[in-house]
Amino acid sequence: MTAGEDAPEVYRRAVRTLNRADVPFLVGGTFALAQFTEVVRDTKDFDIFVRPADVRRALSSLVRDGWKVSLPYPHWLGKAYIDDIFIDIIFSSGNGVALVDDEWFAHAPTAQVLGLELPVCPAEEALWSKAFVCERERYDGADVLHLIRDCGQRLDWARLLRRFGANWRVLYAHVVLFGFAYPGERDRVPGWVMDELGQRLADDRYPEAGAAGVCRGTLLSREQYLVDLERLGYIDGRLLSDEVHMSLEDIDRWTKAIPGRSSLDEEPGNRGGG
């Protein structure tokens, strides 16, 4: 980084590098959220979303441009650094559910970001990935509700229901909270969505067959349900779900990165993600 370069210019440098390498990417995080909602906040990083197959190619192209890179969490996150400025290269979610696939790109709008016309993560996929971030130190539920408030009438709710799949209760929890937070705007969630989810709940209110002793709370927080696994003998729901793309090694590495549990805490920018 040459003297005088600020963070936005370094981010633009990363974008140009990925474009030259023909690596398809989407802009996410705070920059994407600001395109869909009234939420605008300062950020200390820049989130780039890529397909899993493109992660190493993205990192290699940045290395050739003078960046230092790492892949601290091989199931969802890479990082690139220039001095104290860094970007996250994201290809899934911390809980292994929201894998970046072709649909992210097929539905991605373009927007002015950093003075450039860039593709950004679709509102639906942003909501899907944020809905699972329920850590003690980071909770993205307010972002989810703001997305519903500002985009609810144009969201592809059928796609959202499909995205959540067997985890539909997580979506239902957020839309119920939306009606509490914004009582005068409950129509931002279509009636048929509430009817569908309400009917699912009515039909599915008894214990799930074969789920005795299973805790799926680990999909919401990597830390807050460890007591259930380590002291109460529950089975980690991440190990039993076809929708979770994590190995046992991934889970162990992600758990050890919890602040206070290992030296991985020192990795700059460690964050939640379910």
Protein backbone atom coordinates (compact mmCIF):
# COMPACT_ATOMS: atom_id res chain seq x y z
CA MET A 1 0.00 0.00 0.00
CA THR A 2 1.45 3.35 -1.01
CA ALA A 3 1.43 6.30 1.33
CA GLY A 4 -1.88 8.10 1.40
CA GLU A 5 -4.04 5.18 0.32
CA ASP A 6 -7.14 4.99 2.48
CA ALA A 7 -9.41 2.04 3.10
CA PRO A 8 -11.91 2.75 0.27
CA GLU A 9 -9.08 2.95 -2.24
CA VAL A 10 -7.64 -0.32 -0.95
CA TYR A 11 -11.07 -1.93 -1.32
CA ARG A 12 -11.29 -0.63 -4.89
CA ARG A 13 -7.85 -2.10 -5.49
CA ALA A 14 -9.13 -5.51 -4.39
CA VAL A 15 -12.14 -5.19 -6.70
CA ARG A 16 -9.92 -4.35 -9.67
CA THR A 17 -7.65 -7.29 -8.84
CA LEU A 18 -10.55 -9.76 -8.75
CA ASN A 19 -11.95 -8.34 -11.98
CA ARG A 20 -8.61 -8.75 -13.75
CA ALA A 21 -8.48 -12.36 -12.56
CA ASP A 22 -12.06 -12.98 -13.78
CA VAL A 23 -13.17 -14.06 -10.31
CA PRO A 24 -16.95 -13.56 -9.98
CA PHE A 25 -17.80 -11.85 -6.70
CA LEU A 26 -20.54 -9.99 -4.85
CA VAL A 27 -20.23 -7.18 -2.34
CA GLY A 28 -21.88 -7.94 0.98
CA GLY A 29 -21.86 -6.76 4.57
CA THR A 30 -22.53 -3.15 5.47
CA PHE A 31 -22.11 -1.94 1.90
CA ALA A 32 -24.84 -4.29 0.64
CA LEU A 33 -27.16 -3.64 3.59
CA ALA A 34 -27.05 0.08 2.85
CA GLN A 35 -28.41 -0.60 -0.65
CA PHE A 36 -31.57 -2.22 0.72
CA THR A 37 -32.26 -0.46 4.01
CA GLU A 38 -31.90 2.83 5.82
CA VAL A 39 -29.15 1.29 7.95
CA VAL A 40 -25.85 3.03 7.26
CA ARG A 41 -22.93 2.48 9.60
CA ASP A 42 -19.17 2.67 9.66
CA THR A 43 -17.32 -0.50 8.81
CA LYS A 44 -13.75 -1.62 9.41
CA ASP A 45 -13.72 -4.25 6.69
CA PHE A 46 -15.03 -5.09 3.25
CA ASP A 47 -16.98 -8.30 2.62
CA ILE A 48 -16.57 -10.05 -0.72
CA PHE A 49 -18.70 -13.13 -1.45
CA VAL A 50 -17.53 -15.79 -3.89
CA ARG A 51 -18.47 -19.34 -4.78
CA PRO A 52 -16.54 -21.99 -2.82
CA ALA A 53 -14.88 -23.14 -6.05
CA ASP A 54 -13.42 -19.64 -6.55
CA VAL A 55 -11.98 -19.05 -3.06
CA ARG A 56 -8.42 -20.14 -3.69
CA ARG A 57 -8.31 -18.41 -7.06
CA ALA A 58 -9.50 -15.20 -5.41
CA LEU A 59 -6.86 -15.45 -2.69
CA SER A 60 -4.12 -16.27 -5.21
CA SER A 61 -4.97 -13.24 -7.33
CA LEU A 62 -4.74 -11.01 -4.26
CA VAL A 63 -1.36 -12.50 -3.31
CA ARG A 64 -0.05 -11.58 -6.75
CA ASP A 65 -1.23 -8.02 -6.09
CA GLY A 66 0.75 -7.80 -2.86
CA TRP A 67 -1.84 -8.85 -0.29
CA LYS A 68 -1.20 -11.22 2.59
CA VAL A 69 -3.89 -13.87 2.74
CA SER A 70 -5.09 -16.66 5.00
CA LEU A 71 -7.86 -19.22 5.09
CA PRO A 72 -8.55 -19.40 8.83
CA TYR A 73 -11.88 -21.20 8.47
CA PRO A 74 -11.87 -23.47 5.40
CA HIS A 75 -15.63 -24.04 5.60
CA TRP A 76 -16.63 -20.40 5.11
CA LEU A 77 -14.03 -17.59 5.36
CA GLY A 78 -10.77 -16.37 3.93
CA LYS A 79 -8.99 -13.07 4.68
CA ALA A 80 -6.70 -10.70 2.82
CA TYR A 81 -4.62 -7.92 4.40
CA ILE A 82 -2.66 -4.87 3.42
CA ASP A 83 -1.18 -3.29 6.54
CA ASP A 84 -4.11 -2.85 8.95
CA ILE A 85 -6.78 -2.91 6.23
CA PHE A 86 -8.41 -6.24 5.49
CA ILE A 87 -11.18 -7.81 3.48
CA ASP A 88 -13.17 -10.93 4.17
CA ILE A 89 -13.59 -13.48 1.39
CA ILE A 90 -16.83 -15.24 2.31
CA PHE A 91 -18.20 -18.35 0.64
CA SER A 92 -20.66 -19.69 3.22
CA SER A 93 -21.84 -18.81 6.72
CA GLY A 94 -20.16 -19.63 10.00
CA ASN A 95 -22.72 -22.33 10.69
CA GLY A 96 -22.18 -23.89 7.25
CA VAL A 97 -25.77 -23.32 6.08
CA ALA A 98 -25.79 -20.34 3.71
CA LEU A 99 -23.41 -21.67 1.07
CA VAL A 100 -22.79 -19.18 -1.75
CA ASP A 101 -24.15 -20.83 -4.89
CA ASP A 102 -25.20 -19.81 -8.39
CA GLU A 103 -28.50 -18.34 -7.17
CA TRP A 104 -26.67 -15.63 -5.25
CA PHE A 105 -25.25 -14.44 -8.56
CA ALA A 106 -28.38 -15.03 -10.64
CA HIS A 107 -30.41 -12.67 -8.42
CA ALA A 108 -27.69 -10.15 -7.56
CA PRO A 109 -28.56 -6.50 -8.27
CA THR A 110 -25.92 -3.93 -9.11
CA ALA A 111 -25.37 -0.76 -7.12
CA GLN A 112 -22.97 2.11 -6.67
CA VAL A 113 -20.41 0.97 -4.12
CA LEU A 114 -17.19 2.88 -3.52
CA GLY A 115 -17.94 4.90 -6.63
CA LEU A 116 -18.09 1.75 -8.77
CA GLU A 117 -21.01 -0.15 -10.28
CA LEU A 118 -20.73 -3.51 -8.52
CA PRO A 119 -22.91 -6.58 -7.96
CA VAL A 120 -24.18 -6.92 -4.40
CA CYS A 121 -25.60 -9.84 -2.46
CA PRO A 122 -29.36 -10.24 -3.00
CA ALA A 123 -31.56 -9.11 -0.12
CA GLU A 124 -33.00 -12.61 0.20
CA GLU A 125 -29.64 -14.31 0.62
CA ALA A 126 -28.43 -11.56 2.95
CA LEU A 127 -31.50 -12.11 5.12
CA TRP A 128 -31.04 -15.89 5.02
CA SER A 129 -27.45 -15.76 6.21
CA LYS A 130 -28.04 -13.04 8.81
CA ALA A 131 -31.04 -14.82 10.34
CA PHE A 132 -28.76 -17.41 11.97
CA VAL A 133 -26.38 -14.92 13.60
CA CYS A 134 -27.60 -15.00 17.20
CA GLU A 135 -24.39 -14.88 19.18
CA ARG A 136 -24.14 -13.21 22.56
CA GLU A 137 -21.65 -10.67 21.17
CA ARG A 138 -23.28 -10.30 17.76
CA TYR A 139 -26.95 -10.52 16.86
CA ASP A 140 -28.05 -9.72 13.31
CA GLY A 141 -31.78 -9.92 14.02
CA ALA A 142 -32.20 -6.15 13.72
CA ASP A 143 -30.64 -6.28 10.24
CA VAL A 144 -33.13 -9.00 9.32
CA LEU A 145 -36.06 -6.90 10.52
CA HIS A 146 -34.78 -3.84 8.67
CA LEU A 147 -34.52 -5.90 5.49
CA ILE A 148 -38.12 -7.00 5.94
CA ARG A 149 -39.26 -3.46 6.69
CA ASP A 150 -37.56 -1.89 3.69
CA CYS A 151 -37.76 -4.77 1.17
CA GLY A 152 -40.56 -7.00 2.44
CA GLN A 153 -43.05 -6.10 -0.28
CA ARG A 154 -40.62 -7.03 -3.05
CA LEU A 155 -38.77 -9.96 -1.48
CA ASP A 156 -39.06 -13.33 -3.20
CA TRP A 157 -40.67 -15.03 -0.23
CA ALA A 158 -41.03 -18.35 -2.04
CA ARG A 159 -37.27 -18.40 -2.53
CA LEU A 160 -36.74 -17.46 1.11
CA LEU A 161 -38.89 -20.34 2.28
CA ARG A 162 -36.92 -22.68 0.04
CA ARG A 163 -33.63 -21.28 1.30
CA PHE A 164 -34.56 -21.88 4.93
CA GLY A 165 -35.84 -25.36 4.12
CA ALA A 166 -36.01 -27.51 7.24
CA ASN A 167 -34.87 -24.49 9.27
CA TRP A 168 -38.11 -22.60 8.55
CA ARG A 169 -38.68 -21.99 12.28
CA VAL A 170 -35.76 -19.55 12.22
CA LEU A 171 -37.51 -17.49 9.55
CA TYR A 172 -40.80 -17.72 11.41
CA ALA A 173 -39.18 -16.45 14.59
CA HIS A 174 -37.94 -13.36 12.74
CA VAL A 175 -41.23 -12.55 11.01
CA VAL A 176 -43.07 -12.88 14.32
CA LEU A 177 -40.57 -10.49 15.90
CA PHE A 178 -41.04 -8.16 12.93
CA GLY A 179 -44.73 -7.87 13.72
CA PHE A 180 -43.79 -6.96 17.28
CA ALA A 181 -41.13 -4.41 16.32
CA TYR A 182 -43.22 -2.75 13.59
CA PRO A 183 -46.89 -3.29 14.51
CA GLY A 184 -48.08 -0.79 11.91
CA GLU A 185 -46.20 -2.48 9.05
CA ARG A 186 -47.06 -6.14 9.51
CA ASP A 187 -48.30 -6.28 5.92
CA ARG A 188 -44.66 -6.16 4.77
CA VAL A 189 -44.78 -9.93 5.33
CA PRO A 190 -47.37 -11.37 2.91
CA GLY A 191 -50.36 -13.00 4.54
CA TRP A 192 -49.78 -16.26 2.69
CA VAL A 193 -46.27 -16.50 4.24
CA MET A 194 -47.65 -16.10 7.76
CA ASP A 195 -50.43 -18.59 6.97
CA GLU A 196 -47.96 -21.11 5.56
CA LEU A 197 -45.57 -20.87 8.49
CA GLY A 198 -48.39 -20.83 11.02
CA GLN A 199 -49.83 -23.99 9.51
CA ARG A 200 -46.43 -25.66 9.58
CA LEU A 201 -46.14 -24.83 13.26
CA ALA A 202 -49.63 -26.17 13.98
CA ASP A 203 -48.82 -29.39 12.13
CA ASP A 204 -45.39 -29.76 13.70
CA ARG A 205 -45.86 -28.91 17.36
CA TYR A 206 -45.04 -32.36 18.71
CA PRO A 207 -41.51 -33.72 19.31
CA GLU A 208 -39.70 -34.49 16.09
CA ALA A 209 -39.22 -38.18 15.43
CA GLY A 210 -35.61 -39.23 15.92
CA ALA A 211 -34.58 -35.86 17.37
CA ALA A 212 -34.43 -36.79 21.04
CA GLY A 213 -31.27 -35.42 22.58
CA VAL A 214 -30.44 -33.19 19.59
CA CYS A 215 -29.59 -29.50 19.98
CA ARG A 216 -29.81 -27.31 16.87
CA GLY A 217 -29.00 -24.20 18.85
CA THR A 218 -25.44 -24.53 17.54
CA LEU A 219 -26.72 -23.29 14.18
CA LEU A 220 -27.62 -20.02 15.90
CA SER A 221 -24.59 -19.63 18.17
CA ARG A 222 -21.31 -21.50 18.19
CA GLU A 223 -20.86 -20.65 21.89
CA GLN A 224 -24.15 -20.28 23.75
CA TYR A 225 -25.18 -23.94 23.37
CA LEU A 226 -21.82 -25.52 24.18
CA VAL A 227 -23.15 -26.22 27.68
CA ASP A 228 -25.74 -28.50 26.09
CA LEU A 229 -23.08 -30.44 24.20
CA GLU A 230 -20.32 -30.51 26.79
CA ARG A 231 -22.28 -30.89 30.04
CA LEU A 232 -25.76 -32.10 29.19
CA GLY A 233 -24.92 -34.68 26.54
CA TYR A 234 -26.89 -33.26 23.62
CA ILE A 235 -25.91 -34.19 20.06
CA ASP A 236 -24.69 -31.28 17.94
CA GLY A 237 -27.40 -30.63 15.35
CA ARG A 238 -24.79 -29.47 12.84
CA LEU A 239 -23.59 -33.07 12.55
CA LEU A 240 -27.03 -34.38 11.59
CA SER A 241 -28.24 -31.84 9.04
CA ASP A 242 -27.83 -32.22 5.27
CA GLU A 243 -28.12 -28.41 5.07
CA VAL A 244 -24.96 -27.82 7.12
CA HIS A 245 -21.73 -27.91 5.13
CA MET A 246 -19.25 -28.46 7.95
CA SER A 247 -17.00 -31.36 8.86
CA LEU A 248 -16.19 -32.38 12.41
CA GLU A 249 -12.81 -30.70 11.92
CA ASP A 250 -14.53 -27.50 10.78
CA ILE A 251 -16.73 -27.50 13.87
CA ASP A 252 -13.75 -28.06 16.14
CA ARG A 253 -11.75 -25.25 14.53
CA TRP A 254 -14.73 -22.84 14.65
CA THR A 255 -15.35 -23.69 18.30
CA LYS A 256 -11.71 -23.20 19.28
CA ALA A 257 -11.87 -19.72 17.72
CA ILE A 258 -14.38 -18.56 20.33
CA PRO A 259 -12.70 -15.77 22.32
CA GLY A 260 -11.04 -17.23 25.38
CA ARG A 261 -10.79 -20.78 24.05
CA SER A 262 -7.59 -20.64 21.96
CA SER A 263 -4.93 -18.47 20.37
CA LEU A 264 -7.09 -18.25 17.25
CA ASP A 265 -8.86 -15.42 19.09
CA GLU A 266 -6.07 -13.18 17.91
CA GLU A 267 -7.07 -13.50 14.25
CA PRO A 268 -8.17 -9.97 13.28
CA GLY A 269 -11.85 -9.58 12.59
CA ASN A 270 -13.09 -12.90 14.01
CA ARG A 271 -16.87 -12.71 14.01
CA GLY A 272 -19.96 -14.78 14.57
CA GLY A 273 -22.13 -16.35 11.93
CA GLY A 274 -23.98 -19.10 13.73
